[in-house]
Amino acid sequence: MTPHLKQVFLVHGEASQSAALKQAIEREYSLDVAVPSRGQSFVLD
């Protein structure tokens, strides 16, 4: 993984699969993972 990566956004897929992938990424790479709701926005630095 790139050392500059701060957060991952999962925006496709079924909810159960997104949740499983979120947990795997957090566990394996110690990254913050967001599964945004439709219309949810984020401020990027």
PDB file of N, CA and C in Angstrom:
ATOM      1  N   MET A   1       0.845  -1.185   0.000  1.00  0.00           N
ATOM      2  CA  MET A   1       0.000   0.000   0.000  1.00  0.00           C
ATOM      3  C   MET A   1       0.887   1.245   0.000  1.00  0.00           C
ATOM      4  N   THR A   2       0.379   2.268  -0.588  1.00  0.00           N
ATOM      5  CA  THR A   2       1.097   3.532  -0.602  1.00  0.00           C
ATOM      6  C   THR A   2       1.113   4.145   0.794  1.00  0.00           C
ATOM      7  N   PRO A   3       2.226   4.707   1.220  1.00  0.00           N
ATOM      8  CA  PRO A   3       2.291   5.270   2.570  1.00  0.00           C
ATOM      9  C   PRO A   3       1.420   6.517   2.739  1.00  0.00           C
ATOM     10  N   HIS A   4       0.959   7.098   1.652  1.00  0.00           N
ATOM     11  CA  HIS A   4       0.157   8.316   1.725  1.00  0.00           C
ATOM     12  C   HIS A   4      -1.340   8.033   1.789  1.00  0.00           C
ATOM     13  N   LEU A   5      -1.732   6.799   1.628  1.00  0.00           N
ATOM     14  CA  LEU A   5      -3.141   6.445   1.650  1.00  0.00           C
ATOM     15  C   LEU A   5      -3.675   6.581   3.067  1.00  0.00           C
ATOM     16  N   LYS A   6      -4.728   7.391   3.223  1.00  0.00           N
ATOM     17  CA  LYS A   6      -5.290   7.638   4.549  1.00  0.00           C
ATOM     18  C   LYS A   6      -6.637   6.960   4.752  1.00  0.00           C
ATOM     19  N   GLN A   7      -7.433   6.900   3.680  1.00  0.00           N
ATOM     20  CA  GLN A   7      -8.785   6.367   3.823  1.00  0.00           C
ATOM     21  C   GLN A   7      -9.222   5.714   2.524  1.00  0.00           C
ATOM     22  N   VAL A   8     -10.057   4.692   2.666  1.00  0.00           N
ATOM     23  CA  VAL A   8     -10.619   3.978   1.525  1.00  0.00           C
ATOM     24  C   VAL A   8     -12.134   4.174   1.563  1.00  0.00           C
ATOM     25  N   PHE A   9     -12.727   4.427   0.391  1.00  0.00           N
ATOM     26  CA  PHE A   9     -14.167   4.569   0.274  1.00  0.00           C
ATOM     27  C   PHE A   9     -14.703   3.419  -0.565  1.00  0.00           C
ATOM     28  N   LEU A  10     -15.585   2.621   0.008  1.00  0.00           N
ATOM     29  CA  LEU A  10     -16.223   1.521  -0.714  1.00  0.00           C
ATOM     30  C   LEU A  10     -17.595   2.009  -1.163  1.00  0.00           C
ATOM     31  N   VAL A  11     -17.763   2.160  -2.470  1.00  0.00           N
ATOM     32  CA  VAL A  11     -18.989   2.774  -2.975  1.00  0.00           C
ATOM     33  C   VAL A  11     -19.800   1.865  -3.900  1.00  0.00           C
ATOM     34  N   HIS A  12     -19.380   0.621  -4.083  1.00  0.00           N
ATOM     35  CA  HIS A  12     -20.110  -0.311  -4.937  1.00  0.00           C
ATOM     36  C   HIS A  12     -20.312  -1.623  -4.201  1.00  0.00           C
ATOM     37  N   GLY A  13     -21.329  -2.329  -4.577  1.00  0.00           N
ATOM     38  CA  GLY A  13     -21.546  -3.656  -4.017  1.00  0.00           C
ATOM     39  C   GLY A  13     -22.680  -3.701  -3.019  1.00  0.00           C
ATOM     40  N   GLU A  14     -23.042  -4.907  -2.666  1.00  0.00           N
ATOM     41  CA  GLU A  14     -24.106  -5.113  -1.691  1.00  0.00           C
ATOM     42  C   GLU A  14     -23.596  -4.810  -0.293  1.00  0.00           C
ATOM     43  N   ALA A  15     -24.489  -4.399   0.573  1.00  0.00           N
ATOM     44  CA  ALA A  15     -24.118  -3.966   1.924  1.00  0.00           C
ATOM     45  C   ALA A  15     -23.325  -5.031   2.683  1.00  0.00           C
ATOM     46  N   SER A  16     -23.758  -6.279   2.612  1.00  0.00           N
ATOM     47  CA  SER A  16     -23.071  -7.337   3.362  1.00  0.00           C
ATOM     48  C   SER A  16     -21.655  -7.561   2.831  1.00  0.00           C
ATOM     49  N   GLN A  17     -21.492  -7.485   1.526  1.00  0.00           N
ATOM     50  CA  GLN A  17     -20.172  -7.669   0.929  1.00  0.00           C
ATOM     51  C   GLN A  17     -19.273  -6.473   1.218  1.00  0.00           C
ATOM     52  N   SER A  18     -19.833  -5.278   1.196  1.00  0.00           N
ATOM     53  CA  SER A  18     -19.051  -4.080   1.524  1.00  0.00           C
ATOM     54  C   SER A  18     -18.568  -4.139   2.970  1.00  0.00           C
ATOM     55  N   ALA A  19     -19.430  -4.595   3.855  1.00  0.00           N
ATOM     56  CA  ALA A  19     -19.055  -4.702   5.268  1.00  0.00           C
ATOM     57  C   ALA A  19     -17.922  -5.709   5.457  1.00  0.00           C
ATOM     58  N   ALA A  20     -17.981  -6.824   4.759  1.00  0.00           N
ATOM     59  CA  ALA A  20     -16.931  -7.840   4.870  1.00  0.00           C
ATOM     60  C   ALA A  20     -15.612  -7.316   4.313  1.00  0.00           C
ATOM     61  N   LEU A  21     -15.669  -6.645   3.171  1.00  0.00           N
ATOM     62  CA  LEU A  21     -14.452  -6.083   2.583  1.00  0.00           C
ATOM     63  C   LEU A  21     -13.886  -4.979   3.463  1.00  0.00           C
ATOM     64  N   LYS A  22     -14.751  -4.169   4.040  1.00  0.00           N
ATOM     65  CA  LYS A  22     -14.323  -3.111   4.968  1.00  0.00           C
ATOM     66  C   LYS A  22     -13.522  -3.707   6.123  1.00  0.00           C
ATOM     67  N   GLN A  23     -14.056  -4.742   6.737  1.00  0.00           N
ATOM     68  CA  GLN A  23     -13.361  -5.389   7.854  1.00  0.00           C
ATOM     69  C   GLN A  23     -12.024  -5.971   7.424  1.00  0.00           C
ATOM     70  N   ALA A  24     -11.985  -6.593   6.256  1.00  0.00           N
ATOM     71  CA  ALA A  24     -10.741  -7.199   5.773  1.00  0.00           C
ATOM     72  C   ALA A  24      -9.674  -6.133   5.516  1.00  0.00           C
ATOM     73  N   ILE A  25     -10.056  -5.030   4.906  1.00  0.00           N
ATOM     74  CA  ILE A  25      -9.087  -3.952   4.630  1.00  0.00           C
ATOM     75  C   ILE A  25      -8.594  -3.346   5.934  1.00  0.00           C
ATOM     76  N   GLU A  26      -9.500  -3.100   6.865  1.00  0.00           N
ATOM     77  CA  GLU A  26      -9.097  -2.530   8.160  1.00  0.00           C
ATOM     78  C   GLU A  26      -8.135  -3.468   8.891  1.00  0.00           C
ATOM     79  N   ARG A  27      -8.443  -4.741   8.879  1.00  0.00           N
ATOM     80  CA  ARG A  27      -7.618  -5.723   9.581  1.00  0.00           C
ATOM     81  C   ARG A  27      -6.250  -5.890   8.906  1.00  0.00           C
ATOM     82  N   GLU A  28      -6.251  -6.026   7.595  1.00  0.00           N
ATOM     83  CA  GLU A  28      -5.021  -6.323   6.857  1.00  0.00           C
ATOM     84  C   GLU A  28      -4.097  -5.110   6.705  1.00  0.00           C
ATOM     85  N   TYR A  29      -4.684  -3.934   6.492  1.00  0.00           N
ATOM     86  CA  TYR A  29      -3.878  -2.761   6.165  1.00  0.00           C
ATOM     87  C   TYR A  29      -3.951  -1.630   7.197  1.00  0.00           C
ATOM     88  N   SER A  30      -4.745  -1.792   8.232  1.00  0.00           N
ATOM     89  CA  SER A  30      -4.906  -0.773   9.278  1.00  0.00           C
ATOM     90  C   SER A  30      -5.265   0.594   8.690  1.00  0.00           C
ATOM     91  N   LEU A  31      -6.195   0.582   7.748  1.00  0.00           N
ATOM     92  CA  LEU A  31      -6.667   1.815   7.122  1.00  0.00           C
ATOM     93  C   LEU A  31      -8.079   2.123   7.575  1.00  0.00           C
ATOM     94  N   ASP A  32      -8.435   3.396   7.531  1.00  0.00           N
ATOM     95  CA  ASP A  32      -9.793   3.827   7.811  1.00  0.00           C
ATOM     96  C   ASP A  32     -10.621   3.574   6.560  1.00  0.00           C
ATOM     97  N   VAL A  33     -11.727   2.844   6.690  1.00  0.00           N
ATOM     98  CA  VAL A  33     -12.563   2.503   5.544  1.00  0.00           C
ATOM     99  C   VAL A  33     -13.972   3.041   5.782  1.00  0.00           C
ATOM    100  N   ALA A  34     -14.486   3.766   4.801  1.00  0.00           N
ATOM    101  CA  ALA A  34     -15.838   4.302   4.878  1.00  0.00           C
ATOM    102  C   ALA A  34     -16.716   3.626   3.838  1.00  0.00           C
ATOM    103  N   VAL A  35     -17.942   3.329   4.240  1.00  0.00           N
ATOM    104  CA  VAL A  35     -18.955   2.827   3.316  1.00  0.00           C
ATOM    105  C   VAL A  35     -20.064   3.886   3.329  1.00  0.00           C
ATOM    106  N   PRO A  36     -19.925   4.903   2.477  1.00  0.00           N
ATOM    107  CA  PRO A  36     -20.859   6.031   2.530  1.00  0.00           C
ATOM    108  C   PRO A  36     -22.271   5.660   2.069  1.00  0.00           C
ATOM    109  N   SER A  37     -23.221   6.368   2.635  1.00  0.00           N
ATOM    110  CA  SER A  37     -24.613   6.251   2.204  1.00  0.00           C
ATOM    111  C   SER A  37     -24.808   7.093   0.959  1.00  0.00           C
ATOM    112  N   ARG A  38     -25.835   6.808   0.215  1.00  0.00           N
ATOM    113  CA  ARG A  38     -26.140   7.583  -0.991  1.00  0.00           C
ATOM    114  C   ARG A  38     -26.294   9.061  -0.614  1.00  0.00           C
ATOM    115  N   GLY A  39     -25.554   9.913  -1.302  1.00  0.00           N
ATOM    116  CA  GLY A  39     -25.619  11.351  -1.074  1.00  0.00           C
ATOM    117  C   GLY A  39     -24.706  11.861   0.026  1.00  0.00           C
ATOM    118  N   GLN A  40     -24.070  10.968   0.759  1.00  0.00           N
ATOM    119  CA  GLN A  40     -23.175  11.371   1.832  1.00  0.00           C
ATOM    120  C   GLN A  40     -21.914  11.980   1.218  1.00  0.00           C
ATOM    121  N   SER A  41     -21.407  13.039   1.836  1.00  0.00           N
ATOM    122  CA  SER A  41     -20.202  13.680   1.304  1.00  0.00           C
ATOM    123  C   SER A  41     -19.113  13.714   2.368  1.00  0.00           C
ATOM    124  N   PHE A  42     -17.882  13.895   1.897  1.00  0.00           N
ATOM    125  CA  PHE A  42     -16.711  13.916   2.759  1.00  0.00           C
ATOM    126  C   PHE A  42     -15.821  15.071   2.338  1.00  0.00           C
ATOM    127  N   VAL A  43     -15.115  15.640   3.287  1.00  0.00           N
ATOM    128  CA  VAL A  43     -14.118  16.655   2.996  1.00  0.00           C
ATOM    129  C   VAL A  43     -12.776  15.941   2.859  1.00  0.00           C
ATOM    130  N   LEU A  44     -12.139  16.122   1.721  1.00  0.00           N
ATOM    131  CA  LEU A  44     -10.842  15.486   1.480  1.00  0.00           C
ATOM    132  C   LEU A  44      -9.742  16.504   1.699  1.00  0.00           C
ATOM    133  N   ASP A  45      -8.703  16.086   2.412  1.00  0.00           N
ATOM    134  CA  ASP A  45      -7.565  16.980   2.672  1.00  0.00           C
ATOM    135  C   ASP A  45      -6.607  16.954   1.505  1.00  0.00           C
TER     136      ASP A  45
END
